[in-house]
Amino acid sequence: MKTVKMNNLFAVARRDTAPVVDVADSVLALLAERRPSVSVALNRSLFWMSMASSAIAACIVLAAFVTKQQNSDAVNEILNMVAWVAQ
């Protein structure tokens, strides 16, 4: 019984045609509007904020490296003086 119903449904599905849907005009109209959405504006502001924080982080790393280099020279001088005294 169920196989007969299924076969009938399959036959009806084979005879059925797909509806004609043309969405090209509506899609082109949406693309032609080119109005910025809220997410685009939000992404743009987040992009600039991340660029600014990356630049600030690079400056901090550069300052830390320069400070470390200057302080390590002083530490090396102290260690050399202590080593000279220890000899």
N, C-alpha and C. Protein backbone atom coordinates (compact mmCIF):
# COMPACT_ATOMS: atom_id res chain seq x y z
N MET A 1 0.82 -1.19 0.00
CA MET A 1 0.00 0.00 0.00
C MET A 1 0.87 1.26 0.00
N LYS A 2 1.87 1.29 0.88
CA LYS A 2 2.71 2.48 0.97
C LYS A 2 3.57 2.64 -0.28
N THR A 3 4.02 1.53 -0.87
CA THR A 3 4.83 1.64 -2.07
C THR A 3 4.00 2.17 -3.24
N VAL A 4 2.72 1.83 -3.26
CA VAL A 4 1.86 2.34 -4.33
C VAL A 4 1.68 3.85 -4.19
N LYS A 5 1.47 4.31 -2.96
CA LYS A 5 1.32 5.75 -2.73
C LYS A 5 2.61 6.49 -3.07
N MET A 6 3.73 5.89 -2.68
CA MET A 6 5.02 6.52 -2.97
C MET A 6 5.26 6.56 -4.48
N ASN A 7 4.93 5.49 -5.19
CA ASN A 7 5.10 5.47 -6.64
C ASN A 7 4.21 6.51 -7.30
N ASN A 8 2.98 6.67 -6.78
CA ASN A 8 2.09 7.70 -7.32
C ASN A 8 2.67 9.11 -7.07
N LEU A 9 3.23 9.33 -5.89
CA LEU A 9 3.84 10.62 -5.59
C LEU A 9 5.06 10.88 -6.49
N PHE A 10 5.85 9.83 -6.72
CA PHE A 10 7.01 9.98 -7.60
C PHE A 10 6.58 10.34 -9.01
N ALA A 11 5.51 9.69 -9.48
CA ALA A 11 5.01 9.97 -10.83
C ALA A 11 4.50 11.41 -10.94
N VAL A 12 3.78 11.86 -9.92
CA VAL A 12 3.28 13.23 -9.93
C VAL A 12 4.46 14.21 -9.88
N ALA A 13 5.47 13.90 -9.11
CA ALA A 13 6.64 14.78 -9.00
C ALA A 13 7.39 14.85 -10.32
N ARG A 14 7.45 13.72 -11.05
CA ARG A 14 8.14 13.74 -12.34
C ARG A 14 7.39 14.59 -13.36
N ARG A 15 6.07 14.60 -13.30
CA ARG A 15 5.26 15.38 -14.25
C ARG A 15 5.23 16.86 -13.89
N ASP A 16 5.43 17.17 -12.65
CA ASP A 16 5.33 18.55 -12.20
C ASP A 16 6.51 19.36 -12.73
N THR A 17 6.27 20.58 -13.09
CA THR A 17 7.34 21.46 -13.57
C THR A 17 7.65 22.50 -12.50
N ALA A 18 8.86 22.95 -12.54
CA ALA A 18 9.29 23.96 -11.56
C ALA A 18 8.70 25.31 -11.94
N PRO A 19 8.33 26.10 -10.97
CA PRO A 19 7.78 27.43 -11.29
C PRO A 19 8.89 28.34 -11.84
N VAL A 20 8.50 29.23 -12.70
CA VAL A 20 9.45 30.17 -13.28
C VAL A 20 9.58 31.37 -12.34
N VAL A 21 10.79 31.57 -11.89
CA VAL A 21 11.05 32.69 -10.97
C VAL A 21 12.22 33.48 -11.53
N ASP A 22 12.00 34.76 -11.73
CA ASP A 22 13.06 35.63 -12.24
C ASP A 22 13.35 36.69 -11.18
N VAL A 23 14.47 36.53 -10.52
CA VAL A 23 14.82 37.46 -9.46
C VAL A 23 15.93 38.42 -9.89
N ALA A 24 16.35 38.32 -11.13
CA ALA A 24 17.48 39.14 -11.60
C ALA A 24 17.17 40.63 -11.48
N ASP A 25 15.95 41.04 -11.84
CA ASP A 25 15.62 42.46 -11.78
C ASP A 25 15.67 43.00 -10.36
N SER A 26 15.13 42.23 -9.42
CA SER A 26 15.13 42.72 -8.03
C SER A 26 16.55 42.73 -7.45
N VAL A 27 17.35 41.75 -7.83
CA VAL A 27 18.73 41.72 -7.34
C VAL A 27 19.52 42.88 -7.93
N LEU A 28 19.36 43.12 -9.21
CA LEU A 28 20.07 44.24 -9.83
C LEU A 28 19.62 45.58 -9.24
N ALA A 29 18.35 45.70 -8.93
CA ALA A 29 17.87 46.93 -8.31
C ALA A 29 18.50 47.13 -6.94
N LEU A 30 18.62 46.06 -6.17
CA LEU A 30 19.26 46.18 -4.85
C LEU A 30 20.73 46.54 -4.98
N LEU A 31 21.39 45.95 -5.97
CA LEU A 31 22.81 46.27 -6.16
C LEU A 31 23.00 47.69 -6.67
N ALA A 32 22.07 48.18 -7.45
CA ALA A 32 22.20 49.53 -8.01
C ALA A 32 21.99 50.60 -6.95
N GLU A 33 21.25 50.30 -5.90
CA GLU A 33 21.01 51.30 -4.86
C GLU A 33 22.29 51.72 -4.17
N ARG A 34 23.14 50.77 -3.89
CA ARG A 34 24.44 51.02 -3.25
C ARG A 34 24.34 51.86 -1.98
N ARG A 35 23.36 51.60 -1.19
CA ARG A 35 23.27 52.31 0.08
C ARG A 35 24.08 51.55 1.12
N PRO A 36 24.90 52.25 1.86
CA PRO A 36 25.72 51.56 2.86
C PRO A 36 24.86 51.04 4.01
N SER A 37 25.11 49.83 4.36
CA SER A 37 24.35 49.25 5.47
C SER A 37 25.05 49.56 6.79
N VAL A 38 24.38 49.25 7.86
CA VAL A 38 24.93 49.52 9.19
C VAL A 38 26.16 48.66 9.43
N SER A 39 26.14 47.42 8.96
CA SER A 39 27.27 46.53 9.19
C SER A 39 28.51 47.00 8.45
N VAL A 40 28.35 47.61 7.27
CA VAL A 40 29.50 48.12 6.53
C VAL A 40 30.13 49.28 7.30
N ALA A 41 29.32 50.17 7.80
CA ALA A 41 29.84 51.30 8.57
C ALA A 41 30.52 50.82 9.86
N LEU A 42 29.92 49.83 10.49
CA LEU A 42 30.51 49.29 11.71
C LEU A 42 31.84 48.61 11.41
N ASN A 43 31.89 47.83 10.34
CA ASN A 43 33.14 47.17 9.97
C ASN A 43 34.22 48.17 9.61
N ARG A 44 33.83 49.27 8.93
CA ARG A 44 34.82 50.28 8.56
C ARG A 44 35.39 50.96 9.81
N SER A 45 34.53 51.26 10.77
CA SER A 45 35.04 51.91 11.99
C SER A 45 35.90 50.95 12.80
N LEU A 46 35.52 49.68 12.84
CA LEU A 46 36.34 48.69 13.55
C LEU A 46 37.69 48.50 12.86
N PHE A 47 37.70 48.58 11.53
CA PHE A 47 38.96 48.48 10.78
C PHE A 47 39.90 49.61 11.17
N TRP A 48 39.40 50.84 11.19
CA TRP A 48 40.25 51.97 11.52
C TRP A 48 40.71 51.92 12.97
N MET A 49 39.83 51.44 13.86
CA MET A 49 40.22 51.32 15.27
C MET A 49 41.32 50.26 15.43
N SER A 50 41.21 49.17 14.71
CA SER A 50 42.24 48.14 14.80
C SER A 50 43.55 48.62 14.19
N MET A 51 43.48 49.41 13.12
CA MET A 51 44.71 49.96 12.54
C MET A 51 45.38 50.92 13.52
N ALA A 52 44.60 51.75 14.19
CA ALA A 52 45.17 52.68 15.15
C ALA A 52 45.79 51.94 16.33
N SER A 53 45.09 50.92 16.83
CA SER A 53 45.66 50.19 17.97
C SER A 53 46.90 49.39 17.57
N SER A 54 46.95 48.93 16.33
CA SER A 54 48.16 48.24 15.86
C SER A 54 49.33 49.21 15.76
N ALA A 55 49.07 50.40 15.28
CA ALA A 55 50.14 51.40 15.19
C ALA A 55 50.64 51.79 16.58
N ILE A 56 49.72 51.96 17.52
CA ILE A 56 50.12 52.29 18.89
C ILE A 56 50.92 51.15 19.51
N ALA A 57 50.48 49.91 19.27
CA ALA A 57 51.21 48.75 19.81
C ALA A 57 52.61 48.67 19.21
N ALA A 58 52.75 48.98 17.92
CA ALA A 58 54.08 48.95 17.30
C ALA A 58 54.98 50.01 17.91
N CYS A 59 54.43 51.19 18.20
CA CYS A 59 55.22 52.24 18.86
C CYS A 59 55.65 51.82 20.26
N ILE A 60 54.76 51.16 20.98
CA ILE A 60 55.10 50.71 22.34
C ILE A 60 56.19 49.65 22.29
N VAL A 61 56.10 48.73 21.33
CA VAL A 61 57.13 47.69 21.20
C VAL A 61 58.46 48.32 20.84
N LEU A 62 58.45 49.30 19.94
CA LEU A 62 59.69 49.99 19.57
C LEU A 62 60.29 50.72 20.76
N ALA A 63 59.46 51.41 21.53
CA ALA A 63 59.96 52.12 22.71
C ALA A 63 60.51 51.14 23.75
N ALA A 64 59.84 50.02 23.93
CA ALA A 64 60.34 49.01 24.88
C ALA A 64 61.67 48.43 24.42
N PHE A 65 61.81 48.21 23.12
CA PHE A 65 63.07 47.67 22.60
C PHE A 65 64.21 48.66 22.79
N VAL A 66 63.95 49.95 22.49
CA VAL A 66 64.99 50.96 22.66
C VAL A 66 65.36 51.10 24.13
N THR A 67 64.36 51.10 25.00
CA THR A 67 64.62 51.20 26.44
C THR A 67 65.42 50.00 26.93
N LYS A 68 65.08 48.83 26.45
CA LYS A 68 65.82 47.62 26.85
C LYS A 68 67.27 47.70 26.39
N GLN A 69 67.47 48.19 25.17
CA GLN A 69 68.84 48.30 24.67
C GLN A 69 69.65 49.29 25.50
N GLN A 70 69.04 50.40 25.86
CA GLN A 70 69.75 51.40 26.66
C GLN A 70 70.05 50.87 28.06
N ASN A 71 69.08 50.19 28.66
CA ASN A 71 69.27 49.66 30.01
C ASN A 71 70.23 48.48 30.02
N SER A 72 70.24 47.70 28.96
CA SER A 72 71.14 46.54 28.95
C SER A 72 72.59 47.00 28.84
N ASP A 73 72.85 48.14 28.18
CA ASP A 73 74.20 48.66 28.13
C ASP A 73 74.67 49.05 29.53
N ALA A 74 73.80 49.67 30.30
CA ALA A 74 74.17 50.05 31.67
C ALA A 74 74.40 48.81 32.53
N VAL A 75 73.57 47.81 32.36
CA VAL A 75 73.74 46.58 33.13
C VAL A 75 75.04 45.89 32.74
N ASN A 76 75.37 45.89 31.45
CA ASN A 76 76.63 45.28 31.02
C ASN A 76 77.83 46.01 31.61
N GLU A 77 77.75 47.32 31.68
CA GLU A 77 78.85 48.08 32.28
C GLU A 77 79.03 47.72 33.75
N ILE A 78 77.93 47.59 34.48
CA ILE A 78 78.00 47.22 35.90
C ILE A 78 78.58 45.82 36.05
N LEU A 79 78.14 44.89 35.22
CA LEU A 79 78.66 43.53 35.29
C LEU A 79 80.14 43.48 34.95
N ASN A 80 80.57 44.24 33.97
CA ASN A 80 81.99 44.27 33.64
C ASN A 80 82.80 44.86 34.78
N MET A 81 82.28 45.90 35.45
CA MET A 81 82.97 46.49 36.58
C MET A 81 83.07 45.48 37.73
N VAL A 82 81.99 44.78 38.00
CA VAL A 82 82.02 43.78 39.08
C VAL A 82 82.98 42.66 38.72
N ALA A 83 82.99 42.23 37.45
CA ALA A 83 83.91 41.17 37.05
C ALA A 83 85.36 41.65 37.15
N TRP A 84 85.62 42.92 36.84
CA TRP A 84 86.98 43.43 36.94
C TRP A 84 87.42 43.48 38.41
N VAL A 85 86.48 43.88 39.30
CA VAL A 85 86.80 43.93 40.72
C VAL A 85 87.02 42.53 41.26
N ALA A 86 86.25 41.57 40.77
CA ALA A 86 86.36 40.19 41.27
C ALA A 86 87.67 39.54 40.84
N GLN A 87 88.28 40.01 39.78
CA GLN A 87 89.54 39.41 39.35
C GLN A 87 90.63 39.88 40.26
